[in-house]
Full PDB file with SEQRES, HELIX, SHEET, SSBOND, CRYST1, ORIGX, SCALE, CONECT and MASTER records, all heavy atoms in Angstrom:
SEQRES   1 A   42  LEU ALA ALA GLY ASP GLY VAL VAL VAL TYR ALA GLY ALA          
SEQRES   2 A   42  VAL ALA ALA ARG THR LEU VAL SER LEU GLU HIS ARG GLY          
SEQRES   3 A   42  GLY LEU ARG THR THR TYR GLU PRO ILE ALA PRO ALA VAL          
SEQRES   4 A   42  SER ALA GLY                                                  
HELIX    1 AA1 ARG A   25  GLY A   27  5                                   3    
SHEET    1 AA1 3 VAL A   7  VAL A  14  0                                        
SHEET    2 AA1 3 ARG A  17  GLU A  23 -1                                        
SHEET    3 AA1 3 ARG A  29  TYR A  32 -1                                        
CRYST1    1.000    1.000    1.000  90.00  90.00  90.00 P 1           1          
ORIGX1      1.000000  0.000000  0.000000        0.00000                         
ORIGX2      0.000000  1.000000  0.000000        0.00000                         
ORIGX3      0.000000  0.000000  1.000000        0.00000                         
SCALE1      1.000000  0.000000  0.000000        0.00000                         
SCALE2      0.000000  1.000000  0.000000        0.00000                         
SCALE3      0.000000  0.000000  1.000000        0.00000                         
ATOM      1  N   LEU A   1      -9.840  -2.620  -0.634  1.00  0.00           N  
ATOM      2  CA  LEU A   1     -10.130  -1.246  -0.426  1.00  0.00           C  
ATOM      3  C   LEU A   1      -9.159  -0.587   0.583  1.00  0.00           C  
ATOM      4  O   LEU A   1      -8.814  -1.269   1.554  1.00  0.00           O  
ATOM      5  CB  LEU A   1     -11.604  -1.073   0.047  1.00  0.00           C  
ATOM      6  CG  LEU A   1     -12.628  -1.821  -0.707  1.00  0.00           C  
ATOM      7  CD1 LEU A   1     -13.994  -1.598  -0.147  1.00  0.00           C  
ATOM      8  CD2 LEU A   1     -12.679  -1.476  -2.239  1.00  0.00           C  
ATOM      9  N   ALA A   2      -8.895   0.668   0.408  1.00  0.00           N  
ATOM     10  CA  ALA A   2      -8.069   1.429   1.402  1.00  0.00           C  
ATOM     11  C   ALA A   2      -8.832   1.517   2.672  1.00  0.00           C  
ATOM     12  O   ALA A   2     -10.033   1.860   2.672  1.00  0.00           O  
ATOM     13  CB  ALA A   2      -7.722   2.792   0.825  1.00  0.00           C  
ATOM     14  N   ALA A   3      -8.160   1.289   3.769  1.00  0.00           N  
ATOM     15  CA  ALA A   3      -8.769   1.402   5.115  1.00  0.00           C  
ATOM     16  C   ALA A   3      -8.996   2.817   5.506  1.00  0.00           C  
ATOM     17  O   ALA A   3      -9.916   3.062   6.354  1.00  0.00           O  
ATOM     18  CB  ALA A   3      -7.883   0.689   6.120  1.00  0.00           C  
ATOM     19  N   GLY A   4      -8.355   3.738   4.921  1.00  0.00           N  
ATOM     20  CA  GLY A   4      -8.520   5.153   5.227  1.00  0.00           C  
ATOM     21  C   GLY A   4      -7.850   6.037   4.221  1.00  0.00           C  
ATOM     22  O   GLY A   4      -7.120   5.521   3.296  1.00  0.00           O  
ATOM     23  N   ASP A   5      -8.106   7.307   4.275  1.00  0.00           N  
ATOM     24  CA  ASP A   5      -7.427   8.283   3.379  1.00  0.00           C  
ATOM     25  C   ASP A   5      -5.891   8.209   3.632  1.00  0.00           C  
ATOM     26  O   ASP A   5      -5.441   8.034   4.757  1.00  0.00           O  
ATOM     27  CB  ASP A   5      -7.846   9.705   3.654  1.00  0.00           C  
ATOM     28  CG  ASP A   5      -9.350   9.950   3.435  1.00  0.00           C  
ATOM     29  OD1 ASP A   5     -10.030   9.080   2.832  1.00  0.00           O  
ATOM     30  OD2 ASP A   5      -9.869  10.992   3.848  1.00  0.00           O  
ATOM     31  N   GLY A   6      -5.163   8.314   2.543  1.00  0.00           N  
ATOM     32  CA  GLY A   6      -3.694   8.279   2.667  1.00  0.00           C  
ATOM     33  C   GLY A   6      -3.006   8.425   1.344  1.00  0.00           C  
ATOM     34  O   GLY A   6      -3.651   8.863   0.356  1.00  0.00           O  
ATOM     35  N   VAL A   7      -1.780   8.137   1.288  1.00  0.00           N  
ATOM     36  CA  VAL A   7      -0.888   8.186   0.159  1.00  0.00           C  
ATOM     37  C   VAL A   7      -0.232   6.889  -0.091  1.00  0.00           C  
ATOM     38  O   VAL A   7       0.304   6.279   0.913  1.00  0.00           O  
ATOM     39  CB  VAL A   7       0.137   9.340   0.233  1.00  0.00           C  
ATOM     40  CG1 VAL A   7       1.085   9.330  -0.900  1.00  0.00           C  
ATOM     41  CG2 VAL A   7      -0.531  10.688   0.405  1.00  0.00           C  
ATOM     42  N   VAL A   8      -0.200   6.403  -1.260  1.00  0.00           N  
ATOM     43  CA  VAL A   8       0.517   5.125  -1.617  1.00  0.00           C  
ATOM     44  C   VAL A   8       1.980   5.376  -1.464  1.00  0.00           C  
ATOM     45  O   VAL A   8       2.539   6.222  -2.154  1.00  0.00           O  
ATOM     46  CB  VAL A   8       0.140   4.635  -3.024  1.00  0.00           C  
ATOM     47  CG1 VAL A   8       0.901   3.343  -3.336  1.00  0.00           C  
ATOM     48  CG2 VAL A   8      -1.371   4.443  -3.261  1.00  0.00           C  
ATOM     49  N   VAL A   9       2.683   4.628  -0.600  1.00  0.00           N  
ATOM     50  CA  VAL A   9       4.140   4.735  -0.481  1.00  0.00           C  
ATOM     51  C   VAL A   9       4.836   3.598  -1.192  1.00  0.00           C  
ATOM     52  O   VAL A   9       5.966   3.758  -1.533  1.00  0.00           O  
ATOM     53  CB  VAL A   9       4.528   4.794   1.047  1.00  0.00           C  
ATOM     54  CG1 VAL A   9       4.110   6.046   1.700  1.00  0.00           C  
ATOM     55  CG2 VAL A   9       4.106   3.637   1.824  1.00  0.00           C  
ATOM     56  N   TYR A  10       4.120   2.513  -1.477  1.00  0.00           N  
ATOM     57  CA  TYR A  10       4.723   1.386  -2.207  1.00  0.00           C  
ATOM     58  C   TYR A  10       3.621   0.581  -2.844  1.00  0.00           C  
ATOM     59  O   TYR A  10       2.607   0.317  -2.206  1.00  0.00           O  
ATOM     60  CB  TYR A  10       5.588   0.499  -1.290  1.00  0.00           C  
ATOM     61  CG  TYR A  10       6.341  -0.510  -2.128  1.00  0.00           C  
ATOM     62  CD1 TYR A  10       7.553  -0.185  -2.739  1.00  0.00           C  
ATOM     63  CD2 TYR A  10       5.849  -1.834  -2.264  1.00  0.00           C  
ATOM     64  CE1 TYR A  10       8.243  -1.074  -3.532  1.00  0.00           C  
ATOM     65  CE2 TYR A  10       6.538  -2.728  -3.012  1.00  0.00           C  
ATOM     66  CZ  TYR A  10       7.729  -2.337  -3.664  1.00  0.00           C  
ATOM     67  OH  TYR A  10       8.424  -3.298  -4.414  1.00  0.00           O  
ATOM     68  N   ALA A  11       3.821   0.171  -4.102  1.00  0.00           N  
ATOM     69  CA  ALA A  11       2.931  -0.745  -4.767  1.00  0.00           C  
ATOM     70  C   ALA A  11       3.801  -1.559  -5.733  1.00  0.00           C  
ATOM     71  O   ALA A  11       4.254  -1.073  -6.698  1.00  0.00           O  
ATOM     72  CB  ALA A  11       1.883   0.091  -5.498  1.00  0.00           C  
ATOM     73  N   GLY A  12       3.987  -2.785  -5.413  1.00  0.00           N  
ATOM     74  CA  GLY A  12       4.784  -3.675  -6.271  1.00  0.00           C  
ATOM     75  C   GLY A  12       5.188  -4.902  -5.530  1.00  0.00           C  
ATOM     76  O   GLY A  12       4.645  -5.319  -4.540  1.00  0.00           O  
ATOM     77  N   ALA A  13       6.254  -5.590  -6.092  1.00  0.00           N  
ATOM     78  CA  ALA A  13       6.746  -6.884  -5.611  1.00  0.00           C  
ATOM     79  C   ALA A  13       7.755  -6.662  -4.464  1.00  0.00           C  
ATOM     80  O   ALA A  13       8.570  -5.800  -4.466  1.00  0.00           O  
ATOM     81  CB  ALA A  13       7.379  -7.623  -6.757  1.00  0.00           C  
ATOM     82  N   VAL A  14       7.568  -7.571  -3.489  1.00  0.00           N  
ATOM     83  CA  VAL A  14       8.494  -7.811  -2.386  1.00  0.00           C  
ATOM     84  C   VAL A  14       8.672  -9.248  -2.270  1.00  0.00           C  
ATOM     85  O   VAL A  14       7.678  -9.973  -2.000  1.00  0.00           O  
ATOM     86  CB  VAL A  14       8.045  -7.151  -1.078  1.00  0.00           C  
ATOM     87  CG1 VAL A  14       8.981  -7.521   0.068  1.00  0.00           C  
ATOM     88  CG2 VAL A  14       7.854  -5.681  -1.162  1.00  0.00           C  
ATOM     89  N   ALA A  15       9.845  -9.722  -2.562  1.00  0.00           N  
ATOM     90  CA  ALA A  15      10.119 -11.201  -2.559  1.00  0.00           C  
ATOM     91  C   ALA A  15       9.145 -11.804  -3.552  1.00  0.00           C  
ATOM     92  O   ALA A  15       9.167 -11.418  -4.667  1.00  0.00           O  
ATOM     93  CB  ALA A  15      10.026 -11.797  -1.125  1.00  0.00           C  
ATOM     94  N   ALA A  16       8.380 -12.798  -3.124  1.00  0.00           N  
ATOM     95  CA  ALA A  16       7.526 -13.564  -4.041  1.00  0.00           C  
ATOM     96  C   ALA A  16       6.089 -13.035  -4.128  1.00  0.00           C  
ATOM     97  O   ALA A  16       5.269 -13.653  -4.715  1.00  0.00           O  
ATOM     98  CB  ALA A  16       7.527 -15.043  -3.690  1.00  0.00           C  
ATOM     99  N   ARG A  17       5.768 -11.878  -3.466  1.00  0.00           N  
ATOM    100  CA  ARG A  17       4.436 -11.366  -3.432  1.00  0.00           C  
ATOM    101  C   ARG A  17       4.406  -9.914  -3.811  1.00  0.00           C  
ATOM    102  O   ARG A  17       5.394  -9.218  -3.765  1.00  0.00           O  
ATOM    103  CB  ARG A  17       3.843 -11.471  -2.059  1.00  0.00           C  
ATOM    104  CG  ARG A  17       3.822 -12.692  -1.366  1.00  0.00           C  
ATOM    105  CD  ARG A  17       2.995 -12.587  -0.145  1.00  0.00           C  
ATOM    106  NE  ARG A  17       3.851 -12.537   1.060  1.00  0.00           N  
ATOM    107  CZ  ARG A  17       3.829 -13.421   2.026  1.00  0.00           C  
ATOM    108  NH1 ARG A  17       2.978 -14.371   2.039  1.00  0.00           N  
ATOM    109  NH2 ARG A  17       4.591 -13.259   3.065  1.00  0.00           N  
ATOM    110  N   THR A  18       3.179  -9.467  -4.223  1.00  0.00           N  
ATOM    111  CA  THR A  18       3.009  -8.030  -4.471  1.00  0.00           C  
ATOM    112  C   THR A  18       2.120  -7.496  -3.319  1.00  0.00           C  
ATOM    113  O   THR A  18       1.305  -8.128  -2.829  1.00  0.00           O  
ATOM    114  CB  THR A  18       2.341  -7.805  -5.798  1.00  0.00           C  
ATOM    115  OG1 THR A  18       1.174  -8.557  -5.911  1.00  0.00           O  
ATOM    116  CG2 THR A  18       3.311  -8.164  -6.979  1.00  0.00           C  
ATOM    117  N   LEU A  19       2.368  -6.196  -3.043  1.00  0.00           N  
ATOM    118  CA  LEU A  19       1.684  -5.582  -1.975  1.00  0.00           C  
ATOM    119  C   LEU A  19       1.481  -4.112  -2.264  1.00  0.00           C  
ATOM    120  O   LEU A  19       2.136  -3.547  -3.105  1.00  0.00           O  
ATOM    121  CB  LEU A  19       2.377  -5.773  -0.632  1.00  0.00           C  
ATOM    122  CG  LEU A  19       3.733  -5.188  -0.446  1.00  0.00           C  
ATOM    123  CD1 LEU A  19       3.678  -3.777   0.121  1.00  0.00           C  
ATOM    124  CD2 LEU A  19       4.578  -6.067   0.427  1.00  0.00           C  
ATOM    125  N   VAL A  20       0.640  -3.505  -1.439  1.00  0.00           N  
ATOM    126  CA  VAL A  20       0.439  -2.060  -1.438  1.00  0.00           C  
ATOM    127  C   VAL A  20       0.579  -1.589   0.007  1.00  0.00           C  
ATOM    128  O   VAL A  20       0.055  -2.257   0.946  1.00  0.00           O  
ATOM    129  CB  VAL A  20      -0.923  -1.641  -1.993  1.00  0.00           C  
ATOM    130  CG1 VAL A  20      -1.236  -0.163  -1.758  1.00  0.00           C  
ATOM    131  CG2 VAL A  20      -1.066  -1.973  -3.474  1.00  0.00           C  
ATOM    132  N   SER A  21       1.300  -0.444   0.154  1.00  0.00           N  
ATOM    133  CA  SER A  21       1.506   0.124   1.495  1.00  0.00           C  
ATOM    134  C   SER A  21       0.989   1.571   1.432  1.00  0.00           C  
ATOM    135  O   SER A  21       1.408   2.341   0.534  1.00  0.00           O  
ATOM    136  CB  SER A  21       2.933   0.050   1.877  1.00  0.00           C  
ATOM    137  OG  SER A  21       3.127   0.626   3.196  1.00  0.00           O  
ATOM    138  N   LEU A  22       0.180   1.896   2.408  1.00  0.00           N  
ATOM    139  CA  LEU A  22      -0.379   3.282   2.455  1.00  0.00           C  
ATOM    140  C   LEU A  22       0.064   4.008   3.726  1.00  0.00           C  
ATOM    141  O   LEU A  22       0.027   3.417   4.799  1.00  0.00           O  
ATOM    142  CB  LEU A  22      -1.904   3.252   2.455  1.00  0.00           C  
ATOM    143  CG  LEU A  22      -2.611   2.561   1.315  1.00  0.00           C  
ATOM    144  CD1 LEU A  22      -4.150   2.571   1.548  1.00  0.00           C  
ATOM    145  CD2 LEU A  22      -2.261   3.091  -0.054  1.00  0.00           C  
ATOM    146  N   GLU A  23       0.384   5.274   3.540  1.00  0.00           N  
ATOM    147  CA  GLU A  23       0.711   6.137   4.717  1.00  0.00           C  
ATOM    148  C   GLU A  23      -0.508   7.023   4.983  1.00  0.00           C  
ATOM    149  O   GLU A  23      -1.028   7.667   4.170  1.00  0.00           O  
ATOM    150  CB  GLU A  23       1.926   7.080   4.392  1.00  0.00           C  
ATOM    151  CG  GLU A  23       2.431   7.865   5.556  1.00  0.00           C  
ATOM    152  CD  GLU A  23       3.295   7.030   6.513  1.00  0.00           C  
ATOM    153  OE1 GLU A  23       3.929   6.108   6.060  1.00  0.00           O  
ATOM    154  OE2 GLU A  23       3.288   7.350   7.666  1.00  0.00           O  
ATOM    155  N   HIS A  24      -0.915   6.997   6.287  1.00  0.00           N  
ATOM    156  CA  HIS A  24      -2.092   7.730   6.759  1.00  0.00           C  
ATOM    157  C   HIS A  24      -1.712   8.816   7.730  1.00  0.00           C  
ATOM    158  O   HIS A  24      -0.608   8.788   8.248  1.00  0.00           O  
ATOM    159  CB  HIS A  24      -3.098   6.701   7.415  1.00  0.00           C  
ATOM    160  CG  HIS A  24      -3.484   5.561   6.578  1.00  0.00           C  
ATOM    161  ND1 HIS A  24      -4.447   5.637   5.635  1.00  0.00           N  
ATOM    162  CD2 HIS A  24      -2.968   4.337   6.546  1.00  0.00           C  
ATOM    163  CE1 HIS A  24      -4.577   4.420   5.062  1.00  0.00           C  
ATOM    164  NE2 HIS A  24      -3.705   3.641   5.577  1.00  0.00           N  
ATOM    165  N   ARG A  25      -2.653   9.694   8.037  1.00  0.00           N  
ATOM    166  CA  ARG A  25      -2.382  10.747   9.057  1.00  0.00           C  
ATOM    167  C   ARG A  25      -2.014  10.081  10.410  1.00  0.00           C  
ATOM    168  O   ARG A  25      -2.431   8.936  10.637  1.00  0.00           O  
ATOM    169  CB  ARG A  25      -3.673  11.526   9.227  1.00  0.00           C  
ATOM    170  CG  ARG A  25      -3.904  12.503   8.134  1.00  0.00           C  
ATOM    171  CD  ARG A  25      -5.081  13.407   8.290  1.00  0.00           C  
ATOM    172  NE  ARG A  25      -5.459  13.550   9.702  1.00  0.00           N  
ATOM    173  CZ  ARG A  25      -6.517  14.181  10.135  1.00  0.00           C  
ATOM    174  NH1 ARG A  25      -7.290  14.749   9.282  1.00  0.00           N  
ATOM    175  NH2 ARG A  25      -6.815  14.291  11.435  1.00  0.00           N  
ATOM    176  N   GLY A  26      -1.264  10.782  11.147  1.00  0.00           N  
ATOM    177  CA  GLY A  26      -0.877  10.334  12.482  1.00  0.00           C  
ATOM    178  C   GLY A  26       0.235   9.254  12.400  1.00  0.00           C  
ATOM    179  O   GLY A  26       0.441   8.608  13.444  1.00  0.00           O  
ATOM    180  N   GLY A  27       0.900   9.147  11.287  1.00  0.00           N  
ATOM    181  CA  GLY A  27       2.018   8.213  11.222  1.00  0.00           C  
ATOM    182  C   GLY A  27       1.635   6.702  11.031  1.00  0.00           C  
ATOM    183  O   GLY A  27       2.477   5.859  11.231  1.00  0.00           O  
ATOM    184  N   LEU A  28       0.386   6.490  10.719  1.00  0.00           N  
ATOM    185  CA  LEU A  28      -0.036   5.068  10.550  1.00  0.00           C  
ATOM    186  C   LEU A  28       0.306   4.606   9.137  1.00  0.00           C  
ATOM    187  O   LEU A  28       0.146   5.377   8.208  1.00  0.00           O  
ATOM    188  CB  LEU A  28      -1.562   4.883  10.760  1.00  0.00           C  
ATOM    189  CG  LEU A  28      -2.097   4.974  12.166  1.00  0.00           C  
ATOM    190  CD1 LEU A  28      -3.562   4.834  12.172  1.00  0.00           C  
ATOM    191  CD2 LEU A  28      -1.436   3.957  13.106  1.00  0.00           C  
ATOM    192  N   ARG A  29       0.679   3.410   9.010  1.00  0.00           N  
ATOM    193  CA  ARG A  29       0.944   2.790   7.714  1.00  0.00           C  
ATOM    194  C   ARG A  29       0.222   1.436   7.665  1.00  0.00           C  
ATOM    195  O   ARG A  29       0.416   0.575   8.559  1.00  0.00           O  
ATOM    196  CB  ARG A  29       2.421   2.579   7.501  1.00  0.00           C  
ATOM    197  CG  ARG A  29       2.730   1.965   6.074  1.00  0.00           C  
ATOM    198  CD  ARG A  29       4.224   1.965   5.793  1.00  0.00           C  
ATOM    199  NE  ARG A  29       4.681   3.310   5.574  1.00  0.00           N  
ATOM    200  CZ  ARG A  29       5.811   3.620   4.988  1.00  0.00           C  
ATOM    201  NH1 ARG A  29       6.596   2.619   4.501  1.00  0.00           N  
ATOM    202  NH2 ARG A  29       6.188   4.876   4.857  1.00  0.00           N  
ATOM    203  N   THR A  30      -0.613   1.248   6.633  1.00  0.00           N  
ATOM    204  CA  THR A  30      -1.246  -0.026   6.432  1.00  0.00           C  
ATOM    205  C   THR A  30      -0.629  -0.732   5.254  1.00  0.00           C  
ATOM    206  O   THR A  30      -0.184  -0.128   4.273  1.00  0.00           O  
ATOM    207  CB  THR A  30      -2.801   0.144   6.184  1.00  0.00           C  
ATOM    208  OG1 THR A  30      -3.001   1.093   5.117  1.00  0.00           O  
ATOM    209  CG2 THR A  30      -3.425   0.656   7.479  1.00  0.00           C  
ATOM    210  N   THR A  31      -0.643  -2.081   5.303  1.00  0.00           N  
ATOM    211  CA  THR A  31      -0.131  -2.947   4.196  1.00  0.00           C  
ATOM    212  C   THR A  31      -1.179  -3.942   3.862  1.00  0.00           C  
ATOM    213  O   THR A  31      -1.885  -4.421   4.741  1.00  0.00           O  
ATOM    214  CB  THR A  31       1.150  -3.578   4.589  1.00  0.00           C  
ATOM    215  OG1 THR A  31       0.963  -4.385   5.790  1.00  0.00           O  
ATOM    216  CG2 THR A  31       2.327  -2.599   4.784  1.00  0.00           C  
ATOM    217  N   TYR A  32      -1.179  -4.307   2.586  1.00  0.00           N  
ATOM    218  CA  TYR A  32      -2.206  -5.204   2.039  1.00  0.00           C  
ATOM    219  C   TYR A  32      -1.448  -6.130   1.066  1.00  0.00           C  
ATOM    220  O   TYR A  32      -0.827  -5.642   0.131  1.00  0.00           O  
ATOM    221  CB  TYR A  32      -3.258  -4.408   1.209  1.00  0.00           C  
ATOM    222  CG  TYR A  32      -3.764  -3.241   1.984  1.00  0.00           C  
ATOM    223  CD1 TYR A  32      -3.075  -2.059   2.052  1.00  0.00           C  
ATOM    224  CD2 TYR A  32      -5.032  -3.293   2.521  1.00  0.00           C  
ATOM    225  CE1 TYR A  32      -3.600  -0.944   2.675  1.00  0.00           C  
ATOM    226  CE2 TYR A  32      -5.581  -2.179   3.226  1.00  0.00           C  
ATOM    227  CZ  TYR A  32      -4.839  -0.994   3.272  1.00  0.00           C  
ATOM    228  OH  TYR A  32      -5.317   0.088   3.935  1.00  0.00           O  
ATOM    229  N   GLU A  33      -1.551  -7.436   1.382  1.00  0.00           N  
ATOM    230  CA  GLU A  33      -0.808  -8.430   0.453  1.00  0.00           C  
ATOM    231  C   GLU A  33      -1.480  -9.733   0.497  1.00  0.00           C  
ATOM    232  O   GLU A  33      -2.182 -10.052   1.532  1.00  0.00           O  
ATOM    233  CB  GLU A  33       0.664  -8.562   0.836  1.00  0.00           C  
ATOM    234  CG  GLU A  33       0.899  -9.088   2.204  1.00  0.00           C  
ATOM    235  CD  GLU A  33       2.345  -9.283   2.471  1.00  0.00           C  
ATOM    236  OE1 GLU A  33       2.878 -10.321   2.082  1.00  0.00           O  
ATOM    237  OE2 GLU A  33       2.890  -8.462   3.233  1.00  0.00           O  
ATOM    238  N   PRO A  34      -1.411 -10.575  -0.424  1.00  0.00           N  
ATOM    239  CA  PRO A  34      -0.840 -10.352  -1.801  1.00  0.00           C  
ATOM    240  C   PRO A  34      -1.916  -9.742  -2.656  1.00  0.00           C  
ATOM    241  O   PRO A  34      -3.027 -10.318  -2.796  1.00  0.00           O  
ATOM    242  CB  PRO A  34      -0.520 -11.746  -2.226  1.00  0.00           C  
ATOM    243  CG  PRO A  34      -1.485 -12.580  -1.588  1.00  0.00           C  
ATOM    244  CD  PRO A  34      -1.880 -12.021  -0.271  1.00  0.00           C  
ATOM    245  N   ILE A  35      -1.717  -8.611  -3.259  1.00  0.00           N  
ATOM    246  CA  ILE A  35      -2.655  -8.022  -4.167  1.00  0.00           C  
ATOM    247  C   ILE A  35      -1.990  -7.578  -5.473  1.00  0.00           C  
ATOM    248  O   ILE A  35      -0.801  -7.228  -5.474  1.00  0.00           O  
ATOM    249  CB  ILE A  35      -3.442  -6.847  -3.558  1.00  0.00           C  
ATOM    250  CG1 ILE A  35      -2.551  -5.626  -3.284  1.00  0.00           C  
ATOM    251  CG2 ILE A  35      -4.095  -7.326  -2.256  1.00  0.00           C  
ATOM    252  CD1 ILE A  35      -3.393  -4.408  -2.866  1.00  0.00           C  
ATOM    253  N   ALA A  36      -2.735  -7.592  -6.528  1.00  0.00           N  
ATOM    254  CA  ALA A  36      -2.296  -6.935  -7.793  1.00  0.00           C  
ATOM    255  C   ALA A  36      -2.640  -5.458  -7.682  1.00  0.00           C  
ATOM    256  O   ALA A  36      -3.800  -5.106  -7.672  1.00  0.00           O  
ATOM    257  CB  ALA A  36      -3.037  -7.561  -8.959  1.00  0.00           C  
ATOM    258  N   PRO A  37      -1.680  -4.587  -7.529  1.00  0.00           N  
ATOM    259  CA  PRO A  37      -1.876  -3.209  -7.296  1.00  0.00           C  
ATOM    260  C   PRO A  37      -2.699  -2.539  -8.511  1.00  0.00           C  
ATOM    261  O   PRO A  37      -2.463  -2.825  -9.634  1.00  0.00           O  
ATOM    262  CB  PRO A  37      -0.557  -2.539  -7.248  1.00  0.00           C  
ATOM    263  CG  PRO A  37       0.395  -3.667  -6.875  1.00  0.00           C  
ATOM    264  CD  PRO A  37      -0.209  -4.894  -7.521  1.00  0.00           C  
ATOM    265  N   ALA A  38      -3.630  -1.685  -8.050  1.00  0.00           N  
ATOM    266  CA  ALA A  38      -4.322  -0.825  -9.051  1.00  0.00           C  
ATOM    267  C   ALA A  38      -3.953   0.609  -8.872  1.00  0.00           C  
ATOM    268  O   ALA A  38      -4.589   1.507  -9.469  1.00  0.00           O  
ATOM    269  CB  ALA A  38      -5.851  -1.056  -8.822  1.00  0.00           C  
ATOM    270  N   VAL A  39      -2.923   0.905  -8.049  1.00  0.00           N  
ATOM    271  CA  VAL A  39      -2.467   2.232  -7.752  1.00  0.00           C  
ATOM    272  C   VAL A  39      -0.906   2.227  -7.856  1.00  0.00           C  
ATOM    273  O   VAL A  39      -0.281   1.162  -7.905  1.00  0.00           O  
ATOM    274  CB  VAL A  39      -2.848   2.687  -6.362  1.00  0.00           C  
ATOM    275  CG1 VAL A  39      -4.386   2.841  -6.245  1.00  0.00           C  
ATOM    276  CG2 VAL A  39      -2.423   1.685  -5.289  1.00  0.00           C  
ATOM    277  N   SER A  40      -0.330   3.363  -7.883  1.00  0.00           N  
ATOM    278  CA  SER A  40       1.135   3.542  -7.894  1.00  0.00           C  
ATOM    279  C   SER A  40       1.575   4.464  -6.787  1.00  0.00           C  
ATOM    280  O   SER A  40       0.868   5.236  -6.274  1.00  0.00           O  
ATOM    281  CB  SER A  40       1.595   4.013  -9.291  1.00  0.00           C  
ATOM    282  OG  SER A  40       0.937   5.207  -9.560  1.00  0.00           O  
ATOM    283  N   ALA A  41       2.909   4.376  -6.451  1.00  0.00           N  
ATOM    284  CA  ALA A  41       3.474   5.111  -5.414  1.00  0.00           C  
ATOM    285  C   ALA A  41       3.308   6.634  -5.654  1.00  0.00           C  
ATOM    286  O   ALA A  41       3.355   7.090  -6.778  1.00  0.00           O  
ATOM    287  CB  ALA A  41       4.931   4.808  -5.258  1.00  0.00           C  
ATOM    288  N   GLY A  42       2.978   7.355  -4.595  1.00  0.00           N  
ATOM    289  CA  GLY A  42       2.775   8.824  -4.670  1.00  0.00           C  
ATOM    290  C   GLY A  42       1.363   9.222  -4.843  1.00  0.00           C  
ATOM    291  O   GLY A  42       1.054  10.402  -4.705  1.00  0.00           O  
TER     292      GLY A  42                                                      
MASTER        0    0    0    1    3    0    0    6  291    1    0    4          
END                                                                             
């Protein structure tokens, strides 16, 4: 689950894992890995 409201900035493979990265208010970015994304960038 998303830790807070935000926008998906990346959802896909990095090296040998897949991850999702979210941009939140105040310049915070959270990352979650290894997950099969259910969302897409933007």
